[in-house]
Protein backbone atom coordinates (compact mmCIF):
# COMPACT_ATOMS: atom_id res chain seq x y z
CA UNK A 1 0.03 0.12 0.31
CA UNK A 2 2.88 2.65 0.83
CA UNK A 3 4.19 1.91 -2.67
CA UNK A 4 1.18 3.06 -4.31
CA UNK A 5 0.72 5.95 -2.47
CA UNK A 6 4.47 7.14 -3.20
CA UNK A 7 3.63 6.04 -6.59
CA UNK A 8 0.89 8.41 -6.95
CA UNK A 9 2.95 11.09 -5.20
CA UNK A 10 5.56 10.40 -8.12
CA UNK A 11 3.29 10.90 -10.72
CA UNK A 12 1.27 13.81 -9.33
CA UNK A 13 4.61 16.03 -8.77
CA UNK A 14 6.46 14.21 -11.62
CA UNK A 15 9.54 14.15 -9.11
CA UNK A 16 10.56 10.74 -10.26
CA UNK A 17 10.68 11.51 -13.86
CA UNK A 18 14.69 12.15 -13.27
CA UNK A 19 14.86 8.09 -12.63
CA UNK A 20 14.00 7.12 -16.19
CA UNK A 21 16.56 7.32 -18.99
CA UNK A 22 16.49 10.53 -21.42
CA UNK A 23 16.76 7.72 -24.32
CA UNK A 24 16.41 4.18 -25.63
CA UNK A 25 18.37 3.14 -28.05
CA UNK A 26 17.99 0.12 -30.31
CA UNK A 27 21.02 -1.26 -31.95
CA UNK A 28 20.61 -3.59 -34.28
CA UNK A 29 24.07 -6.08 -34.45
CA UNK A 30 26.58 -5.18 -37.32
CA UNK A 31 26.72 -7.23 -40.48
CA UNK A 32 27.35 -10.94 -39.57
CA UNK A 33 28.63 -13.83 -41.21
CA UNK A 34 24.80 -15.05 -42.11
CA UNK A 35 24.07 -11.43 -43.88
CA UNK A 36 26.69 -12.41 -46.25
CA UNK A 37 26.35 -16.13 -47.11
CA UNK A 38 22.96 -17.69 -46.00
CA UNK A 39 24.58 -21.32 -46.79
CA UNK A 40 26.02 -20.63 -43.11
CA UNK A 41 22.88 -21.36 -41.35
CA UNK A 42 23.01 -25.03 -42.51
CA UNK A 43 26.10 -25.99 -40.45
CA UNK A 44 26.74 -23.15 -38.09
CA UNK A 45 23.55 -22.77 -35.20
CA UNK A 46 22.48 -19.27 -35.62
CA UNK A 47 23.60 -18.09 -31.98
CA UNK A 48 27.49 -18.83 -33.02
CA UNK A 49 27.67 -16.60 -36.34
CA UNK A 50 30.04 -13.99 -35.82
CA UNK A 51 30.54 -10.56 -37.30
CA UNK A 52 32.35 -10.01 -40.58
CA UNK A 53 35.42 -7.72 -40.79
CA UNK A 54 32.84 -5.29 -41.93
CA UNK A 55 30.50 -5.75 -38.88
CA UNK A 56 33.37 -4.81 -36.93
CA UNK A 57 34.02 -1.35 -38.55
CA UNK A 58 30.18 -0.74 -38.68
CA UNK A 59 30.04 -1.46 -34.57
CA UNK A 60 33.18 1.11 -33.76
CA UNK A 61 31.24 3.57 -36.34
CA UNK A 62 27.95 2.99 -33.90
CA UNK A 63 30.50 3.37 -30.75
CA UNK A 64 31.78 7.07 -32.37
CA UNK A 65 28.33 7.94 -32.98
CA UNK A 66 26.60 7.12 -29.87
CA UNK A 67 29.22 9.00 -27.96
CA UNK A 68 28.97 12.13 -29.99
CA UNK A 69 24.91 11.51 -29.38
CA UNK A 70 25.61 11.16 -25.49
CA UNK A 71 28.88 12.74 -24.70
CA UNK A 72 29.43 12.25 -21.06
CA UNK A 73 26.15 10.65 -19.71
CA UNK A 74 25.80 7.67 -18.49
CA UNK A 75 24.51 4.36 -19.77
CA UNK A 76 23.01 0.77 -19.51
CA UNK A 77 23.24 -1.83 -22.20
CA UNK A 78 20.94 -4.91 -22.87
CA UNK A 79 22.49 -7.07 -24.86
CA UNK A 80 21.51 -10.54 -26.74
CA UNK A 81 23.42 -13.83 -26.02
CA UNK A 82 24.22 -14.32 -29.81
CA UNK A 83 27.60 -14.47 -30.46
CA UNK A 84 27.16 -11.50 -33.42
CA UNK A 85 25.16 -9.26 -31.29
CA UNK A 86 27.91 -9.65 -28.02
CA UNK A 87 30.48 -8.62 -30.70
CA UNK A 88 28.77 -5.79 -31.93
CA UNK A 89 28.36 -4.12 -27.99
CA UNK A 90 32.34 -4.94 -27.52
CA UNK A 91 33.40 -2.75 -30.08
CA UNK A 92 30.38 -0.15 -29.20
CA UNK A 93 31.65 -0.38 -25.74
CA UNK A 94 34.72 0.65 -26.50
CA UNK A 95 33.99 4.05 -27.22
CA UNK A 96 32.85 4.86 -23.43
CA UNK A 97 34.08 5.24 -20.04
CA UNK A 98 34.06 2.72 -17.43
CA UNK A 99 32.35 5.21 -15.35
CA UNK A 100 29.22 5.63 -18.09
CA UNK A 101 28.92 2.61 -18.23
CA UNK A 102 26.96 1.57 -15.22
CA UNK A 103 26.18 -2.25 -16.23
CA UNK A 104 25.81 -4.83 -19.42
CA UNK A 105 23.46 -7.61 -18.88
CA UNK A 106 23.44 -10.20 -21.28
CA UNK A 107 19.25 -11.28 -21.93
CA UNK A 108 18.00 -14.24 -24.03
CA UNK A 109 14.88 -13.02 -24.20
CA UNK A 110 16.11 -10.15 -26.68
CA UNK A 111 17.58 -13.03 -28.68
CA UNK A 112 16.85 -13.19 -32.63
CA UNK A 113 14.17 -15.23 -33.73
CA UNK A 114 14.72 -18.97 -33.81
CA UNK A 115 14.00 -20.62 -37.47
CA UNK A 116 14.98 -23.88 -36.65
CA UNK A 117 18.18 -25.51 -35.47
CA UNK A 118 19.83 -25.83 -39.11
CA UNK A 119 18.22 -24.37 -41.75
CA UNK A 120 19.00 -26.69 -44.92
CA UNK A 121 18.93 -25.01 -48.29
CA UNK A 122 16.82 -27.55 -50.49
CA UNK A 123 14.14 -27.28 -47.66
CA UNK A 124 13.88 -23.46 -47.89
CA UNK A 125 12.06 -22.84 -50.53
CA UNK A 126 9.06 -25.40 -49.29
CA UNK A 127 9.38 -23.78 -45.70
CA UNK A 128 8.74 -19.98 -46.94
CA UNK A 129 6.50 -20.89 -49.51
CA UNK A 130 4.18 -22.55 -46.22
CA UNK A 131 5.21 -19.09 -44.63
CA UNK A 132 3.92 -16.99 -47.05
CA UNK A 133 0.67 -18.68 -47.17
CA UNK A 134 0.09 -18.82 -43.39
CA UNK A 135 1.75 -15.09 -42.77
CA UNK A 136 5.25 -14.30 -41.67
CA UNK A 137 3.93 -12.98 -38.50
CA UNK A 138 2.33 -16.27 -37.25
CA UNK A 139 4.23 -19.16 -38.92
CA UNK A 140 6.23 -21.01 -36.80
CA UNK A 141 9.42 -22.75 -38.04
CA UNK A 142 10.01 -26.10 -37.86
CA UNK A 143 11.88 -26.62 -34.78
CA UNK A 144 11.51 -22.95 -34.29
CA UNK A 145 9.23 -19.79 -33.24
CA UNK A 146 6.96 -17.35 -34.87
CA UNK A 147 6.98 -13.87 -34.90
CA UNK A 148 4.17 -13.93 -32.63
CA UNK A 149 6.15 -15.80 -30.29
CA UNK A 150 9.28 -13.32 -30.80
CA UNK A 151 6.64 -10.52 -29.34
CA UNK A 152 5.57 -12.55 -26.20
CA UNK A 153 9.24 -12.44 -25.25
CA UNK A 154 9.92 -8.80 -26.11
CA UNK A 155 6.62 -7.70 -23.94
CA UNK A 156 8.01 -9.95 -21.18
CA UNK A 157 11.10 -8.07 -21.63
CA UNK A 158 9.82 -4.90 -21.46
CA UNK A 159 8.51 -5.33 -18.26
CA UNK A 160 11.69 -5.70 -16.95
CA UNK A 161 13.23 -3.12 -18.42
CA UNK A 162 10.47 -1.11 -17.27
CA UNK A 163 11.12 -1.96 -13.54
CA UNK A 164 14.63 -1.49 -13.75
CA UNK A 165 13.74 2.13 -15.05
CA UNK A 166 11.58 2.94 -12.13
CA UNK A 167 14.28 1.60 -10.04
CA UNK A 168 16.85 4.16 -11.84
CA UNK A 169 19.04 1.32 -12.67
CA UNK A 170 19.57 2.16 -16.35
CA UNK A 171 21.02 5.61 -16.03
CA UNK A 172 20.60 8.41 -18.40
CA UNK A 173 20.41 5.84 -21.48
CA UNK A 174 19.47 2.29 -22.07
CA UNK A 175 20.99 1.05 -24.75
CA UNK A 176 19.49 -2.67 -26.30
CA UNK A 177 21.95 -4.69 -28.92
CA UNK A 178 19.42 -6.76 -30.25
CA UNK A 179 18.46 -7.87 -33.85
CA UNK A 180 16.52 -6.76 -36.75
CA UNK A 181 12.92 -8.57 -35.70
CA UNK A 182 13.21 -7.21 -32.05
CA UNK A 183 14.27 -3.97 -33.08
CA UNK A 184 10.91 -3.94 -35.35
CA UNK A 185 9.00 -5.37 -32.47
CA UNK A 186 9.68 -3.18 -29.97
């Protein structure tokens, strides 16, 4: 009950707004092996794909752009556990001082859509035709998930992000390093 009273007082007076970040910044991972060569999905697990040399440059540039935007402001990072997202984060992180970065947290809820364990090239035309007939958002890949499944994960993550924001944990900026579908759904 005391929490409700305090919360209502915060809303009335707007005193608690300083706890929320100024910005929530979404970053899609840099160019990965899968962006260059789709055949890697047939023999390498999606979570283990790495960024390319060009991707490393893109991630460094993203760090520089964010540094110019944020200056000396504080930030917290939420990062997908997929290798390409963690590598993107590591390059971006180099642009900031230890004092600026309050935390970084790996969160599996912001990972890429599960397209199945391996995508065999000979099966993909059939799978994609089936997906078109059902609809991209609702089609669940064999041994994978649908866009609707990802939406549920995103919603759950946002609830946690909101709790972190209420507690003032994000600092002045929350940066989420994730994947294309996640960024579109948020």
